[in-house]
Amino acid sequence: MPLFFKGRNTGPRVIWEARGLAAMYSLALFTCVVALSHWALAAKVCPRPPEVLFATIDVNKSVYEVGEQIEYTCRPGFIPNNGQRKYSCLPTGKWPLNTLLCLPKRCPSPGPLPHGKIDFIDLHYQSSISFSCEPGYNLVGTRTSQCMADGKWSGTFPQCQPVTCAPPSLPEFGVLSYRHLKPGNISKFLDTITFECVPPLALIGNETATCMANGNWSTIPECKVVTCPTPTGIENGFIEFAVRRTYHYNESVSFGCQSSYVLDGPKHSRCEKTGNWSTKPTCKGPCKIPVKKAVVLYNGEKKRVQNDLKEGIQHGETISFFCKNKEKSCAYTVAVPCVDGNLTLPACFKERGFFSTLVKKDPSEMKPCEDQA
């Protein structure tokens, strides 16, 4: 657009000044356009993308062009969650919101260790577990294992093997021997053996020994000579074939009782490790039935005391007396045992006199009470 100046001085000088001013305006306008263009271009790049813990970027630069794509990769031992792995530089010069997480891999549960235990805090990558055994068992193998980048445990898991015991030391002369209670010659933790002495020696101490957690046996017994004096007899009895001499450990004698007496207890008495005889039996006496006349039950049959049981009954035997139930007019029986010469009549039993036998019916001939409804 031409410039017009009013006034007197409108010559060439004025025209030149006007042209110079227009050029300055044009230069200023160009400068602004260039600056705006550089600003627009500068806004269309992205800075270094945000870091993701335990991850790397395939293209690692300080500046990225709009539309340029990157990809995150989790480091060995870590796996991505469901977040996005690839991102593109936006026209705004910013990166999209990062949703990726790299989580440590998890190793499988190590499972039980027979006769031992496994200690751990967690089972993730780079975590460690330690192994130990119960008393009486030795750990064979590594004591620790680490969760590796491939999600597997390092090395081979150990085993807990039982402690073994060497054969026990035995005394000289071979008077003591032992035998295994389980097949095989190797004794393991909690295995037992049984000791024996050469007769007539007595085994003093425990007859068995156990393989303990420290690899030693429990106490070992001894073999000693033990004798018992000549045994004494028993009242109302005798010793069968006794010889007046000293008896050795485990030798025995037999006892018997006089006629009508009953042997109560073991028939044999044995010379024990203590040098004493084991329990001897006793002879228990018979019982006289303390009535003159009565009908009783003996071995399931009715017997008359005055005829069939004059000598009484032996210790341990039982007879039943008949008693009368007056209200129901029936009879019932009460059993009474013979205890070493003592027999007590039941309170319900009434011994009948001569007159009562003529006018009253004997309870043994009455109908049993259990037969009456």
Protein backbone atom coordinates (compact mmCIF):
# COMPACT_ATOMS: atom_id res chain seq x y z
CA MET A 1 0.00 0.00 0.00
CA PRO A 2 1.68 3.37 -1.05
CA LEU A 3 2.34 5.97 1.57
CA PHE A 4 1.34 9.62 1.02
CA PHE A 5 2.75 12.46 3.03
CA LYS A 6 1.29 15.83 3.17
CA GLY A 7 3.35 18.95 3.55
CA ARG A 8 5.97 20.82 1.94
CA ASN A 9 8.85 18.39 2.06
CA THR A 10 7.54 15.53 -0.11
CA GLY A 11 10.63 15.09 -2.12
CA PRO A 12 12.86 12.08 -2.66
CA ARG A 13 14.18 12.08 0.91
CA VAL A 14 10.76 11.54 2.40
CA ILE A 15 10.00 8.79 -0.04
CA TRP A 16 13.20 6.98 0.93
CA GLU A 17 12.41 7.13 4.60
CA ALA A 18 9.00 5.66 3.97
CA ARG A 19 10.46 2.78 2.03
CA GLY A 20 12.97 2.02 4.86
CA LEU A 21 10.23 1.88 7.45
CA ALA A 22 8.30 -0.64 5.37
CA ALA A 23 11.33 -2.86 5.08
CA MET A 24 11.78 -2.87 8.85
CA TYR A 25 8.17 -4.01 9.31
CA SER A 26 8.67 -6.83 6.83
CA LEU A 27 11.85 -8.00 8.62
CA ALA A 28 10.15 -8.02 11.99
CA LEU A 29 7.24 -10.02 10.61
CA PHE A 30 9.62 -12.63 9.10
CA THR A 31 11.46 -12.96 12.36
CA CYS A 32 8.22 -13.71 14.22
CA VAL A 33 7.19 -16.30 11.66
CA VAL A 34 10.56 -18.08 11.92
CA ALA A 35 10.38 -18.05 15.74
CA LEU A 36 6.89 -19.50 15.71
CA SER A 37 7.99 -22.18 13.28
CA HIS A 38 10.91 -23.20 15.52
CA TRP A 39 8.61 -23.32 18.56
CA ALA A 40 6.17 -25.55 16.74
CA LEU A 41 8.95 -27.84 15.60
CA ALA A 42 10.48 -27.98 19.08
CA ALA A 43 7.16 -29.09 20.60
CA LYS A 44 6.95 -32.15 18.34
CA VAL A 45 9.64 -34.30 20.12
CA CYS A 46 9.46 -36.44 23.32
CA PRO A 47 12.05 -36.58 26.10
CA ARG A 48 13.56 -39.78 27.51
CA PRO A 49 10.67 -42.12 28.46
CA PRO A 50 9.97 -42.88 32.15
CA GLU A 51 11.94 -45.69 33.74
CA VAL A 52 10.20 -48.92 34.74
CA LEU A 53 11.80 -50.74 37.63
CA PHE A 54 13.57 -53.97 36.56
CA ALA A 55 12.98 -53.20 32.83
CA THR A 56 15.08 -52.02 29.81
CA ILE A 57 14.12 -50.04 26.64
CA ASP A 58 14.96 -51.29 23.15
CA VAL A 59 15.81 -47.74 21.90
CA ASN A 60 17.43 -45.58 24.55
CA LYS A 61 17.84 -41.95 23.46
CA SER A 62 17.46 -38.52 24.98
CA VAL A 63 15.00 -37.23 22.30
CA TYR A 64 12.34 -39.09 20.32
CA GLU A 65 10.39 -37.92 17.27
CA VAL A 66 6.61 -37.81 17.24
CA GLY A 67 5.28 -41.26 16.39
CA GLU A 68 8.53 -43.01 17.27
CA GLN A 69 7.86 -46.27 19.20
CA ILE A 70 9.72 -47.88 22.09
CA GLU A 71 9.32 -51.26 23.79
CA TYR A 72 10.05 -52.23 27.40
CA THR A 73 11.53 -55.65 28.24
CA CYS A 74 11.61 -57.02 31.78
CA ARG A 75 15.02 -58.07 33.01
CA PRO A 76 15.80 -61.78 33.59
CA GLY A 77 14.02 -63.03 36.69
CA PHE A 78 11.07 -60.66 36.21
CA ILE A 79 7.83 -60.99 34.26
CA PRO A 80 5.49 -58.20 32.99
CA ASN A 81 2.08 -57.68 34.44
CA ASN A 82 -0.91 -57.02 32.18
CA GLY A 83 0.32 -53.48 31.46
CA GLN A 84 1.30 -52.22 28.00
CA ARG A 85 4.88 -52.83 26.84
CA LYS A 86 4.97 -50.64 23.65
CA TYR A 87 4.49 -46.83 23.63
CA SER A 88 4.64 -44.12 20.89
CA CYS A 89 5.67 -40.47 21.22
CA LEU A 90 2.49 -38.37 21.09
CA PRO A 91 2.11 -35.11 18.98
CA THR A 92 1.97 -33.28 22.28
CA GLY A 93 5.57 -34.27 22.96
CA LYS A 94 4.57 -36.51 25.85
CA TRP A 95 4.53 -40.25 26.41
CA PRO A 96 1.28 -42.08 27.21
CA LEU A 97 0.62 -43.12 30.80
CA ASN A 98 2.88 -46.07 31.59
CA THR A 99 1.01 -49.07 33.06
CA LEU A 100 3.82 -51.65 32.95
CA LEU A 101 5.17 -53.38 36.06
CA CYS A 102 7.95 -55.96 36.10
CA LEU A 103 7.26 -58.44 38.88
CA PRO A 104 9.75 -61.01 40.22
CA LYS A 105 9.19 -64.60 39.11
CA ARG A 106 7.95 -67.08 41.72
CA CYS A 107 9.59 -70.46 42.18
CA PRO A 108 7.38 -73.47 42.98
CA SER A 109 6.83 -74.47 46.58
CA PRO A 110 9.74 -76.70 47.63
CA GLY A 111 7.38 -79.20 49.24
CA PRO A 112 8.03 -81.21 52.44
CA LEU A 113 11.45 -82.50 53.44
CA PRO A 114 10.97 -85.91 55.13
CA HIS A 115 12.40 -85.83 58.66
CA GLY A 116 13.40 -82.19 58.18
CA LYS A 117 12.11 -78.68 57.58
CA ILE A 118 12.50 -75.88 55.02
CA ASP A 119 12.76 -72.26 56.21
CA PHE A 120 11.94 -69.35 53.89
CA ILE A 121 10.43 -65.85 53.87
CA ASP A 122 9.08 -65.87 50.32
CA LEU A 123 9.52 -67.84 47.09
CA HIS A 124 10.29 -65.05 44.61
CA TYR A 125 13.34 -64.51 42.38
CA GLN A 126 16.63 -64.19 44.31
CA SER A 127 14.99 -65.43 47.53
CA SER A 128 16.74 -68.23 49.40
CA ILE A 129 15.49 -71.24 51.32
CA SER A 130 17.44 -73.21 53.94
CA PHE A 131 17.21 -76.88 54.89
CA SER A 132 17.66 -78.60 58.25
CA CYS A 133 16.97 -82.08 59.67
CA GLU A 134 15.34 -83.42 62.80
CA PRO A 135 17.53 -84.88 65.57
CA GLY A 136 18.74 -88.31 64.54
CA TYR A 137 19.01 -87.39 60.85
CA ASN A 138 21.93 -85.97 58.84
CA LEU A 139 21.53 -83.48 55.99
CA VAL A 140 23.02 -84.90 52.80
CA GLY A 141 23.38 -82.21 50.13
CA THR A 142 23.31 -78.42 50.02
CA ARG A 143 21.98 -76.44 52.98
CA THR A 144 20.54 -73.58 50.87
CA SER A 145 18.93 -73.03 47.49
CA GLN A 146 18.11 -69.83 45.59
CA CYS A 147 15.22 -68.97 43.29
CA MET A 148 16.84 -68.42 39.85
CA ALA A 149 15.87 -66.21 36.92
CA ASP A 150 14.25 -69.15 35.12
CA GLY A 151 11.84 -69.69 38.04
CA LYS A 152 13.60 -72.83 39.26
CA TRP A 153 15.55 -73.56 42.43
CA SER A 154 19.30 -73.82 42.21
CA GLY A 155 21.00 -77.16 42.74
CA THR A 156 19.36 -80.37 43.92
CA PHE A 157 17.36 -80.49 47.13
CA PRO A 158 19.06 -82.40 49.95
CA GLN A 159 17.83 -85.42 51.90
CA CYS A 160 17.63 -86.20 55.61
CA GLN A 161 19.18 -89.60 56.15
CA PRO A 162 19.07 -91.37 59.52
CA VAL A 163 22.12 -91.44 61.75
CA THR A 164 23.83 -94.83 61.82
CA CYS A 165 25.36 -96.59 64.83
CA ALA A 166 28.44 -98.78 64.69
CA PRO A 167 28.17 -102.28 66.19
CA PRO A 168 28.20 -102.06 70.01
CA SER A 169 31.36 -102.90 71.88
CA LEU A 170 31.00 -106.23 73.67
CA PRO A 171 32.96 -107.67 76.62
CA GLU A 172 35.62 -110.28 76.18
CA PHE A 173 35.09 -114.03 76.14
CA GLY A 174 31.86 -113.78 74.12
CA VAL A 175 29.53 -114.04 77.10
CA LEU A 176 27.27 -111.29 75.69
CA SER A 177 25.71 -111.36 72.23
CA TYR A 178 23.08 -109.32 70.43
CA ARG A 179 20.70 -109.67 67.54
CA HIS A 180 18.96 -107.14 65.28
CA LEU A 181 15.21 -106.77 65.49
CA LYS A 182 15.13 -105.54 61.87
CA PRO A 183 16.71 -107.20 58.82
CA GLY A 184 20.13 -105.97 57.71
CA ASN A 185 23.49 -105.37 59.36
CA ILE A 186 23.39 -101.56 59.40
CA SER A 187 21.75 -100.01 62.46
CA LYS A 188 19.99 -96.69 61.95
CA PHE A 189 18.51 -94.11 64.28
CA LEU A 190 15.88 -95.67 66.59
CA ASP A 191 16.78 -99.23 65.55
CA THR A 192 17.04 -101.61 68.50
CA ILE A 193 19.04 -104.71 69.29
CA THR A 194 18.44 -107.39 71.93
CA PHE A 195 21.21 -108.76 74.14
CA GLU A 196 21.63 -112.30 75.47
CA CYS A 197 24.04 -113.85 77.94
CA VAL A 198 25.59 -117.28 77.72
CA PRO A 199 23.83 -119.48 80.33
CA PRO A 200 23.93 -119.62 83.28
CA LEU A 201 25.09 -115.99 83.40
CA ALA A 202 22.43 -113.36 84.15
CA LEU A 203 21.96 -110.24 82.04
CA ILE A 204 22.17 -107.19 84.32
CA GLY A 205 20.69 -104.04 82.77
CA ASN A 206 18.38 -103.41 79.85
CA GLU A 207 17.93 -106.34 77.49
CA THR A 208 17.60 -103.93 74.55
CA ALA A 209 19.63 -100.96 73.33
CA THR A 210 18.55 -98.21 70.93
CA CYS A 211 20.56 -96.35 68.29
CA MET A 212 20.43 -92.74 69.48
CA ALA A 213 20.56 -89.41 67.66
CA ASN A 214 24.25 -88.93 68.48
CA GLY A 215 25.22 -92.19 66.77
CA ASN A 216 25.81 -94.07 70.03
CA TRP A 217 23.93 -96.94 71.59
CA SER A 218 22.02 -96.58 74.81
CA THR A 219 23.43 -98.44 77.82
CA ILE A 220 24.99 -101.85 77.22
CA PRO A 221 24.15 -104.56 79.83
CA GLU A 222 26.54 -106.91 81.62
CA CYS A 223 26.65 -110.65 82.17
CA LYS A 224 27.21 -111.79 85.74
CA VAL A 225 27.12 -115.00 87.77
CA VAL A 226 23.98 -115.02 89.98
CA THR A 227 23.08 -117.75 92.47
CA CYS A 228 20.12 -118.39 94.76
CA PRO A 229 20.13 -120.37 98.03
CA THR A 230 18.27 -123.65 98.45
CA PRO A 231 14.54 -122.75 98.37
CA THR A 232 12.35 -123.19 101.43
CA GLY A 233 9.10 -125.13 101.43
CA ILE A 234 5.53 -123.87 101.73
CA GLU A 235 2.90 -124.52 104.40
CA ASN A 236 0.70 -127.57 103.73
CA GLY A 237 2.83 -128.26 100.68
CA PHE A 238 6.23 -129.48 99.47
CA ILE A 239 8.97 -128.92 96.88
CA GLU A 240 9.11 -131.54 94.15
CA PHE A 241 12.51 -133.17 93.62
CA ALA A 242 14.41 -130.43 95.44
CA VAL A 243 18.13 -130.88 95.93
CA ARG A 244 19.94 -129.10 98.71
CA ARG A 245 22.40 -127.09 96.66
CA THR A 246 23.06 -123.62 95.24
CA TYR A 247 20.90 -122.73 92.23
CA HIS A 248 22.00 -120.51 89.35
CA TYR A 249 20.10 -117.78 87.56
CA ASN A 250 16.99 -118.97 85.69
CA GLU A 251 16.93 -122.41 87.35
CA SER A 252 13.57 -123.29 88.88
CA VAL A 253 11.86 -125.64 91.32
CA SER A 254 8.28 -126.96 91.43
CA PHE A 255 5.81 -127.04 94.34
CA GLY A 256 2.88 -129.27 95.26
CA CYS A 257 0.20 -129.36 97.99
CA GLN A 258 -0.98 -132.00 100.41
CA SER A 259 -4.19 -133.90 99.79
CA SER A 260 -7.36 -131.76 99.77
CA TYR A 261 -5.31 -128.55 99.52
CA VAL A 262 -5.21 -126.50 96.35
CA LEU A 263 -2.12 -124.79 94.90
CA ASP A 264 -2.76 -121.08 94.51
CA GLY A 265 -0.23 -119.20 92.40
CA PRO A 266 2.56 -120.29 90.04
CA LYS A 267 3.62 -123.90 90.33
CA HIS A 268 7.26 -122.99 89.59
CA SER A 269 9.59 -120.55 91.33
CA ARG A 270 12.63 -119.23 89.45
CA CYS A 271 16.03 -117.98 90.56
CA GLU A 272 16.06 -114.30 89.53
CA LYS A 273 18.80 -111.79 88.69
CA THR A 274 18.58 -110.37 92.19
CA GLY A 275 19.69 -113.68 93.72
CA ASN A 276 16.18 -114.23 95.14
CA TRP A 277 13.45 -116.68 94.22
CA SER A 278 10.41 -115.46 92.35
CA THR A 279 6.98 -115.63 94.00
CA LYS A 280 6.18 -119.00 95.50
CA PRO A 281 2.63 -120.46 95.53
CA THR A 282 0.54 -121.17 98.63
CA CYS A 283 -1.67 -124.11 99.55
CA LYS A 284 -5.28 -123.19 100.27
CA GLY A 285 -7.37 -125.40 102.55
CA PRO A 286 -10.81 -127.01 101.95
CA CYS A 287 -14.10 -125.78 103.49
CA LYS A 288 -16.42 -127.75 105.72
CA ILE A 289 -20.07 -126.92 105.10
CA PRO A 290 -21.39 -125.57 108.44
CA VAL A 291 -24.84 -127.29 108.35
CA LYS A 292 -25.98 -130.77 109.37
CA LYS A 293 -28.70 -131.24 106.79
CA ALA A 294 -29.39 -129.32 103.62
CA VAL A 295 -29.88 -129.75 99.91
CA VAL A 296 -27.51 -127.58 97.87
CA LEU A 297 -26.47 -127.13 94.25
CA TYR A 298 -22.94 -128.39 93.54
CA ASN A 299 -21.55 -128.51 90.01
CA GLY A 300 -25.09 -128.02 88.68
CA GLU A 301 -26.61 -130.94 90.60
CA LYS A 302 -28.58 -131.16 93.82
CA LYS A 303 -26.57 -132.71 96.62
CA ARG A 304 -27.36 -133.60 100.22
CA VAL A 305 -24.73 -132.15 102.51
CA GLN A 306 -25.06 -134.93 105.07
CA ASN A 307 -24.46 -137.63 102.46
CA ASP A 308 -22.60 -136.26 99.42
CA LEU A 309 -20.50 -133.44 100.86
CA LYS A 310 -19.32 -134.75 104.21
CA GLU A 311 -15.71 -133.80 103.38
CA GLY A 312 -16.72 -130.32 102.24
CA ILE A 313 -15.48 -128.61 99.09
CA GLN A 314 -12.07 -127.43 97.98
CA HIS A 315 -10.71 -123.89 97.84
CA GLY A 316 -12.08 -121.99 94.83
CA GLU A 317 -15.17 -124.19 94.46
CA THR A 318 -18.70 -122.83 94.89
CA ILE A 319 -21.98 -124.25 96.21
CA SER A 320 -25.41 -122.64 96.04
CA PHE A 321 -27.91 -122.63 98.91
CA PHE A 322 -31.70 -122.59 98.40
CA CYS A 323 -33.57 -119.67 99.97
CA LYS A 324 -37.34 -119.17 100.20
CA ASN A 325 -39.30 -116.15 99.00
CA LYS A 326 -42.32 -116.24 101.34
CA GLU A 327 -44.32 -113.58 99.48
CA LYS A 328 -44.20 -115.38 96.16
CA SER A 329 -43.89 -118.91 97.54
CA CYS A 330 -40.91 -119.67 95.38
CA ALA A 331 -37.21 -120.45 95.86
CA TYR A 332 -33.98 -118.91 94.63
CA THR A 333 -30.31 -119.80 95.04
CA VAL A 334 -27.34 -117.87 96.47
CA ALA A 335 -23.82 -118.95 95.45
CA VAL A 336 -21.12 -119.09 98.15
CA PRO A 337 -17.39 -119.68 97.38
CA CYS A 338 -14.86 -121.54 99.48
CA VAL A 339 -11.95 -119.24 100.30
CA ASP A 340 -9.01 -121.00 101.99
CA GLY A 341 -11.12 -122.96 104.49
CA ASN A 342 -13.75 -120.26 104.99
CA LEU A 343 -17.35 -120.58 103.79
CA THR A 344 -20.04 -118.13 104.97
CA LEU A 345 -23.71 -119.15 104.86
CA PRO A 346 -26.03 -116.66 103.13
CA ALA A 347 -28.32 -114.71 105.49
CA CYS A 348 -31.46 -115.93 103.70
CA PHE A 349 -30.65 -119.61 104.28
CA LYS A 350 -32.49 -121.32 107.20
CA GLU A 351 -31.39 -124.75 108.29
CA ARG A 352 -34.50 -126.88 108.81
CA GLY A 353 -35.14 -128.89 111.94
CA PHE A 354 -36.80 -132.28 112.23
CA PHE A 355 -40.33 -130.88 112.75
CA SER A 356 -40.14 -128.38 109.87
CA THR A 357 -39.16 -131.13 107.46
CA LEU A 358 -42.45 -132.88 108.27
CA VAL A 359 -44.84 -129.97 107.84
CA LYS A 360 -43.08 -127.60 105.44
CA LYS A 361 -41.86 -128.03 101.92
CA ASP A 362 -38.09 -127.79 101.43
CA PRO A 363 -37.05 -124.72 99.34
CA SER A 364 -35.07 -127.03 97.04
CA GLU A 365 -38.39 -128.62 96.02
CA MET A 366 -40.24 -125.36 95.42
CA LYS A 367 -40.74 -123.77 92.05
CA PRO A 368 -37.86 -121.41 91.14
CA CYS A 369 -38.76 -117.73 91.43
CA GLU A 370 -37.55 -116.91 87.93
CA ASP A 371 -40.22 -119.24 86.53
CA GLN A 372 -43.01 -117.07 87.95
CA ALA A 373 -44.10 -114.10 85.91
